[in-house]
Amino acid sequence: MNEVSAAGGAAAPTVEQVYEALKQVYDPELGINIVDLGLVYDVSVSDEGDVHIEYTLTTMGCPIGPLIEQQIQMHVAQVPGVRSVTAEMVLRPAWSPEMMSEEAKAALGFF
């Protein structure tokens, strides 16, 4: 779990704004964003603008894990009102293709 602080002065962002920022984070192997892949398990935002994100990877030991975390922190820190970003990779529940959005399933040929 790593934390990145961001400059701000605006009101704390909404959870929806954080999810929109997370849609800019793509799995480079699959070309689909981590929200549609179902990799984001939870997002919380404090009144002060501290954002906590629980996410997972498609496989344990995924080699792109550090890149995904870096991208999460970078994109969320740019949302107005964010004071800090904590990205926590969790292993439970284990990810499965059923967690993907219908759009992601269609793009990857899952039906």
N, C-alpha and C. Protein backbone atom coordinates (compact mmCIF):
# COMPACT_ATOMS: atom_id res chain seq x y z
N MET A 1 0.85 -1.16 0.00
CA MET A 1 0.00 0.00 0.00
C MET A 1 0.90 1.22 0.00
N ASN A 2 0.67 2.09 -0.95
CA ASN A 2 1.45 3.31 -1.05
C ASN A 2 0.53 4.51 -1.04
N GLU A 3 1.06 5.63 -0.59
CA GLU A 3 0.28 6.86 -0.52
C GLU A 3 1.01 7.95 -1.26
N VAL A 4 0.25 8.72 -2.02
CA VAL A 4 0.79 9.86 -2.75
C VAL A 4 -0.03 11.07 -2.35
N SER A 5 0.61 12.16 -2.03
CA SER A 5 -0.10 13.39 -1.68
C SER A 5 -0.22 14.28 -2.91
N ALA A 6 -1.34 14.95 -2.99
CA ALA A 6 -1.58 15.85 -4.12
C ALA A 6 -1.94 17.23 -3.60
N ALA A 7 -1.60 18.22 -4.37
CA ALA A 7 -1.95 19.59 -4.00
C ALA A 7 -3.42 19.81 -4.29
N GLY A 8 -4.02 20.67 -3.55
CA GLY A 8 -5.43 20.94 -3.80
C GLY A 8 -5.89 22.11 -2.98
N GLY A 9 -7.07 22.49 -3.12
CA GLY A 9 -7.69 23.55 -2.38
C GLY A 9 -9.18 23.51 -2.63
N ALA A 10 -9.58 22.62 -3.52
CA ALA A 10 -10.98 22.47 -3.87
C ALA A 10 -11.66 21.57 -2.85
N ALA A 11 -12.97 21.50 -2.94
CA ALA A 11 -13.74 20.59 -2.10
C ALA A 11 -13.33 19.15 -2.42
N ALA A 12 -13.53 18.28 -1.45
CA ALA A 12 -13.19 16.86 -1.66
C ALA A 12 -13.95 16.33 -2.87
N PRO A 13 -13.32 15.46 -3.65
CA PRO A 13 -13.99 14.90 -4.82
C PRO A 13 -15.06 13.89 -4.41
N THR A 14 -15.93 13.58 -5.33
CA THR A 14 -16.91 12.53 -5.10
C THR A 14 -16.30 11.18 -5.47
N VAL A 15 -16.92 10.12 -4.98
CA VAL A 15 -16.49 8.78 -5.35
C VAL A 15 -16.61 8.60 -6.86
N GLU A 16 -17.65 9.17 -7.45
CA GLU A 16 -17.85 9.05 -8.90
C GLU A 16 -16.71 9.71 -9.67
N GLN A 17 -16.22 10.85 -9.19
CA GLN A 17 -15.09 11.51 -9.85
C GLN A 17 -13.84 10.63 -9.78
N VAL A 18 -13.65 9.95 -8.67
CA VAL A 18 -12.49 9.06 -8.54
C VAL A 18 -12.63 7.89 -9.51
N TYR A 19 -13.83 7.32 -9.61
CA TYR A 19 -14.03 6.22 -10.56
C TYR A 19 -13.77 6.68 -11.99
N GLU A 20 -14.18 7.89 -12.33
CA GLU A 20 -13.91 8.41 -13.67
C GLU A 20 -12.40 8.51 -13.92
N ALA A 21 -11.65 8.94 -12.92
CA ALA A 21 -10.19 9.00 -13.05
C ALA A 21 -9.61 7.60 -13.21
N LEU A 22 -10.16 6.64 -12.48
CA LEU A 22 -9.66 5.27 -12.56
C LEU A 22 -9.94 4.64 -13.93
N LYS A 23 -10.92 5.16 -14.64
CA LYS A 23 -11.19 4.65 -15.99
C LYS A 23 -10.10 5.05 -16.97
N GLN A 24 -9.17 5.89 -16.55
CA GLN A 24 -8.02 6.27 -17.38
C GLN A 24 -6.85 5.31 -17.18
N VAL A 25 -6.99 4.38 -16.25
CA VAL A 25 -5.93 3.40 -15.95
C VAL A 25 -6.26 2.13 -16.72
N TYR A 26 -5.40 1.77 -17.66
CA TYR A 26 -5.63 0.61 -18.52
C TYR A 26 -4.66 -0.51 -18.20
N ASP A 27 -5.18 -1.73 -18.28
CA ASP A 27 -4.33 -2.91 -18.24
C ASP A 27 -3.65 -2.96 -19.61
N PRO A 28 -2.33 -2.78 -19.67
CA PRO A 28 -1.67 -2.70 -20.98
C PRO A 28 -1.71 -4.01 -21.76
N GLU A 29 -1.90 -5.12 -21.07
CA GLU A 29 -1.96 -6.40 -21.77
C GLU A 29 -3.33 -6.63 -22.41
N LEU A 30 -4.38 -6.10 -21.78
CA LEU A 30 -5.74 -6.33 -22.27
C LEU A 30 -6.34 -5.12 -22.97
N GLY A 31 -5.80 -3.93 -22.71
CA GLY A 31 -6.30 -2.72 -23.35
C GLY A 31 -7.66 -2.27 -22.85
N ILE A 32 -8.01 -2.65 -21.63
CA ILE A 32 -9.29 -2.29 -21.03
C ILE A 32 -9.01 -1.65 -19.68
N ASN A 33 -9.81 -0.65 -19.31
CA ASN A 33 -9.55 0.04 -18.06
C ASN A 33 -9.87 -0.84 -16.85
N ILE A 34 -9.25 -0.51 -15.73
CA ILE A 34 -9.35 -1.36 -14.54
C ILE A 34 -10.74 -1.34 -13.90
N VAL A 35 -11.52 -0.29 -14.15
CA VAL A 35 -12.89 -0.27 -13.63
C VAL A 35 -13.73 -1.29 -14.39
N ASP A 36 -13.69 -1.24 -15.72
CA ASP A 36 -14.47 -2.19 -16.52
C ASP A 36 -13.97 -3.62 -16.37
N LEU A 37 -12.70 -3.79 -16.06
CA LEU A 37 -12.19 -5.14 -15.80
C LEU A 37 -12.66 -5.69 -14.45
N GLY A 38 -13.20 -4.82 -13.61
CA GLY A 38 -13.66 -5.27 -12.30
C GLY A 38 -12.55 -5.38 -11.28
N LEU A 39 -11.45 -4.68 -11.52
CA LEU A 39 -10.30 -4.75 -10.62
C LEU A 39 -10.41 -3.80 -9.43
N VAL A 40 -11.29 -2.82 -9.51
CA VAL A 40 -11.46 -1.86 -8.40
C VAL A 40 -12.56 -2.38 -7.50
N TYR A 41 -12.20 -2.70 -6.26
CA TYR A 41 -13.16 -3.26 -5.32
C TYR A 41 -13.83 -2.20 -4.46
N ASP A 42 -13.12 -1.14 -4.09
CA ASP A 42 -13.71 -0.14 -3.22
C ASP A 42 -12.99 1.19 -3.38
N VAL A 43 -13.76 2.26 -3.28
CA VAL A 43 -13.22 3.62 -3.28
C VAL A 43 -13.90 4.37 -2.15
N SER A 44 -13.10 5.01 -1.31
CA SER A 44 -13.66 5.88 -0.27
C SER A 44 -12.92 7.21 -0.30
N VAL A 45 -13.66 8.26 0.04
CA VAL A 45 -13.11 9.62 0.04
C VAL A 45 -13.50 10.28 1.35
N SER A 46 -12.51 10.79 2.08
CA SER A 46 -12.80 11.50 3.32
C SER A 46 -13.24 12.93 3.00
N ASP A 47 -13.81 13.59 3.99
CA ASP A 47 -14.22 14.99 3.83
C ASP A 47 -13.04 15.89 3.51
N GLU A 48 -11.84 15.46 3.89
CA GLU A 48 -10.63 16.25 3.66
C GLU A 48 -10.00 15.99 2.30
N GLY A 49 -10.54 15.01 1.55
CA GLY A 49 -9.99 14.71 0.23
C GLY A 49 -8.98 13.58 0.20
N ASP A 50 -8.93 12.79 1.27
CA ASP A 50 -8.05 11.62 1.29
C ASP A 50 -8.79 10.47 0.62
N VAL A 51 -8.18 9.90 -0.41
CA VAL A 51 -8.81 8.84 -1.19
C VAL A 51 -8.13 7.52 -0.89
N HIS A 52 -8.95 6.49 -0.63
CA HIS A 52 -8.44 5.14 -0.40
C HIS A 52 -9.09 4.23 -1.44
N ILE A 53 -8.25 3.49 -2.16
CA ILE A 53 -8.72 2.61 -3.22
C ILE A 53 -8.24 1.20 -2.93
N GLU A 54 -9.16 0.24 -2.95
CA GLU A 54 -8.81 -1.17 -2.88
C GLU A 54 -8.98 -1.74 -4.27
N TYR A 55 -7.94 -2.40 -4.75
CA TYR A 55 -7.98 -2.96 -6.09
C TYR A 55 -7.26 -4.30 -6.08
N THR A 56 -7.43 -5.04 -7.15
CA THR A 56 -6.73 -6.30 -7.28
C THR A 56 -6.15 -6.39 -8.68
N LEU A 57 -5.51 -7.49 -8.96
CA LEU A 57 -4.92 -7.74 -10.28
C LEU A 57 -5.58 -8.99 -10.87
N THR A 58 -5.45 -9.18 -12.16
CA THR A 58 -6.08 -10.34 -12.79
C THR A 58 -5.45 -11.65 -12.34
N THR A 59 -4.17 -11.62 -11.99
CA THR A 59 -3.49 -12.82 -11.48
C THR A 59 -2.53 -12.43 -10.38
N MET A 60 -2.34 -13.35 -9.43
CA MET A 60 -1.35 -13.10 -8.40
C MET A 60 0.02 -13.04 -9.05
N GLY A 61 0.84 -12.13 -8.63
CA GLY A 61 2.18 -12.01 -9.19
C GLY A 61 2.19 -11.38 -10.57
N CYS A 62 1.12 -10.69 -10.92
CA CYS A 62 1.03 -10.04 -12.22
C CYS A 62 2.20 -9.06 -12.39
N PRO A 63 2.98 -9.19 -13.46
CA PRO A 63 4.16 -8.34 -13.62
C PRO A 63 3.86 -6.86 -13.83
N ILE A 64 2.64 -6.52 -14.18
CA ILE A 64 2.32 -5.10 -14.39
C ILE A 64 1.74 -4.45 -13.14
N GLY A 65 1.72 -5.16 -12.03
CA GLY A 65 1.18 -4.62 -10.78
C GLY A 65 1.74 -3.26 -10.40
N PRO A 66 3.06 -3.09 -10.39
CA PRO A 66 3.62 -1.78 -10.04
C PRO A 66 3.19 -0.67 -11.00
N LEU A 67 3.06 -0.97 -12.27
CA LEU A 67 2.62 0.02 -13.24
C LEU A 67 1.17 0.43 -12.98
N ILE A 68 0.32 -0.55 -12.70
CA ILE A 68 -1.09 -0.26 -12.40
C ILE A 68 -1.18 0.66 -11.18
N GLU A 69 -0.44 0.34 -10.12
CA GLU A 69 -0.48 1.16 -8.91
C GLU A 69 0.00 2.58 -9.20
N GLN A 70 1.06 2.71 -9.95
CA GLN A 70 1.59 4.03 -10.30
C GLN A 70 0.55 4.84 -11.09
N GLN A 71 -0.12 4.18 -12.02
CA GLN A 71 -1.13 4.86 -12.83
C GLN A 71 -2.35 5.26 -11.99
N ILE A 72 -2.75 4.40 -11.05
CA ILE A 72 -3.85 4.74 -10.14
C ILE A 72 -3.52 6.03 -9.41
N GLN A 73 -2.35 6.05 -8.81
CA GLN A 73 -1.95 7.21 -8.01
C GLN A 73 -1.87 8.47 -8.86
N MET A 74 -1.29 8.36 -10.04
CA MET A 74 -1.12 9.51 -10.91
C MET A 74 -2.46 10.10 -11.34
N HIS A 75 -3.36 9.25 -11.82
CA HIS A 75 -4.64 9.75 -12.34
C HIS A 75 -5.55 10.28 -11.24
N VAL A 76 -5.61 9.59 -10.11
CA VAL A 76 -6.49 10.04 -9.03
C VAL A 76 -5.96 11.32 -8.40
N ALA A 77 -4.65 11.45 -8.28
CA ALA A 77 -4.06 12.66 -7.68
C ALA A 77 -4.39 13.91 -8.49
N GLN A 78 -4.74 13.77 -9.76
CA GLN A 78 -5.06 14.91 -10.61
C GLN A 78 -6.50 15.40 -10.44
N VAL A 79 -7.33 14.64 -9.73
CA VAL A 79 -8.72 15.04 -9.52
C VAL A 79 -8.74 16.22 -8.55
N PRO A 80 -9.41 17.32 -8.90
CA PRO A 80 -9.46 18.47 -7.99
C PRO A 80 -10.01 18.09 -6.62
N GLY A 81 -9.35 18.57 -5.59
CA GLY A 81 -9.79 18.32 -4.23
C GLY A 81 -9.15 17.12 -3.56
N VAL A 82 -8.38 16.33 -4.31
CA VAL A 82 -7.71 15.18 -3.72
C VAL A 82 -6.50 15.66 -2.93
N ARG A 83 -6.44 15.28 -1.66
CA ARG A 83 -5.30 15.63 -0.81
C ARG A 83 -4.26 14.52 -0.81
N SER A 84 -4.72 13.27 -0.76
CA SER A 84 -3.79 12.14 -0.80
C SER A 84 -4.48 10.95 -1.43
N VAL A 85 -3.67 10.03 -1.95
CA VAL A 85 -4.18 8.82 -2.58
C VAL A 85 -3.48 7.63 -1.95
N THR A 86 -4.26 6.70 -1.44
CA THR A 86 -3.72 5.44 -0.94
C THR A 86 -4.29 4.33 -1.82
N ALA A 87 -3.41 3.60 -2.48
CA ALA A 87 -3.82 2.49 -3.34
C ALA A 87 -3.39 1.20 -2.65
N GLU A 88 -4.38 0.38 -2.30
CA GLU A 88 -4.10 -0.87 -1.58
C GLU A 88 -4.49 -2.06 -2.45
N MET A 89 -3.49 -2.86 -2.80
CA MET A 89 -3.75 -4.05 -3.59
C MET A 89 -4.18 -5.16 -2.63
N VAL A 90 -5.34 -5.77 -2.92
CA VAL A 90 -5.88 -6.84 -2.08
C VAL A 90 -6.02 -8.11 -2.93
N LEU A 91 -5.99 -9.25 -2.26
CA LEU A 91 -6.06 -10.52 -2.97
C LEU A 91 -7.40 -11.23 -2.80
N ARG A 92 -8.23 -10.71 -1.92
CA ARG A 92 -9.53 -11.33 -1.65
C ARG A 92 -10.63 -10.31 -1.87
N PRO A 93 -11.66 -10.64 -2.57
CA PRO A 93 -11.84 -11.90 -3.28
C PRO A 93 -10.95 -11.96 -4.52
N ALA A 94 -10.64 -13.16 -4.92
CA ALA A 94 -9.82 -13.34 -6.12
C ALA A 94 -10.62 -12.85 -7.33
N TRP A 95 -9.94 -12.20 -8.26
CA TRP A 95 -10.59 -11.69 -9.46
C TRP A 95 -11.03 -12.84 -10.34
N SER A 96 -12.15 -12.65 -11.05
CA SER A 96 -12.59 -13.60 -12.06
C SER A 96 -13.26 -12.81 -13.19
N PRO A 97 -13.35 -13.40 -14.38
CA PRO A 97 -13.94 -12.68 -15.52
C PRO A 97 -15.38 -12.24 -15.28
N GLU A 98 -16.09 -12.89 -14.37
CA GLU A 98 -17.47 -12.49 -14.08
C GLU A 98 -17.55 -11.08 -13.50
N MET A 99 -16.44 -10.55 -13.00
CA MET A 99 -16.41 -9.22 -12.40
C MET A 99 -16.34 -8.10 -13.44
N MET A 100 -16.10 -8.46 -14.70
CA MET A 100 -15.97 -7.45 -15.75
C MET A 100 -17.32 -6.86 -16.12
N SER A 101 -17.29 -5.63 -16.62
CA SER A 101 -18.51 -5.01 -17.16
C SER A 101 -18.90 -5.74 -18.44
N GLU A 102 -20.14 -5.53 -18.86
CA GLU A 102 -20.60 -6.16 -20.10
C GLU A 102 -19.77 -5.68 -21.29
N GLU A 103 -19.36 -4.41 -21.27
CA GLU A 103 -18.54 -3.86 -22.35
C GLU A 103 -17.18 -4.57 -22.43
N ALA A 104 -16.58 -4.79 -21.27
CA ALA A 104 -15.28 -5.47 -21.24
C ALA A 104 -15.42 -6.91 -21.70
N LYS A 105 -16.47 -7.59 -21.25
CA LYS A 105 -16.70 -8.97 -21.68
C LYS A 105 -16.86 -9.04 -23.20
N ALA A 106 -17.61 -8.10 -23.76
CA ALA A 106 -17.81 -8.08 -25.21
C ALA A 106 -16.50 -7.82 -25.94
N ALA A 107 -15.71 -6.87 -25.43
CA ALA A 107 -14.43 -6.54 -26.08
C ALA A 107 -13.46 -7.71 -26.07
N LEU A 108 -13.54 -8.52 -25.02
CA LEU A 108 -12.62 -9.66 -24.90
C LEU A 108 -13.23 -10.97 -25.40
N GLY A 109 -14.47 -10.92 -25.87
CA GLY A 109 -15.11 -12.11 -26.42
C GLY A 109 -15.66 -13.07 -25.38
N PHE A 110 -15.98 -12.58 -24.18
CA PHE A 110 -16.58 -13.42 -23.14
C PHE A 110 -18.10 -13.36 -23.26
N PHE A 111 -18.74 -14.51 -23.49
CA PHE A 111 -20.21 -14.56 -23.51
C PHE A 111 -20.68 -15.88 -23.03
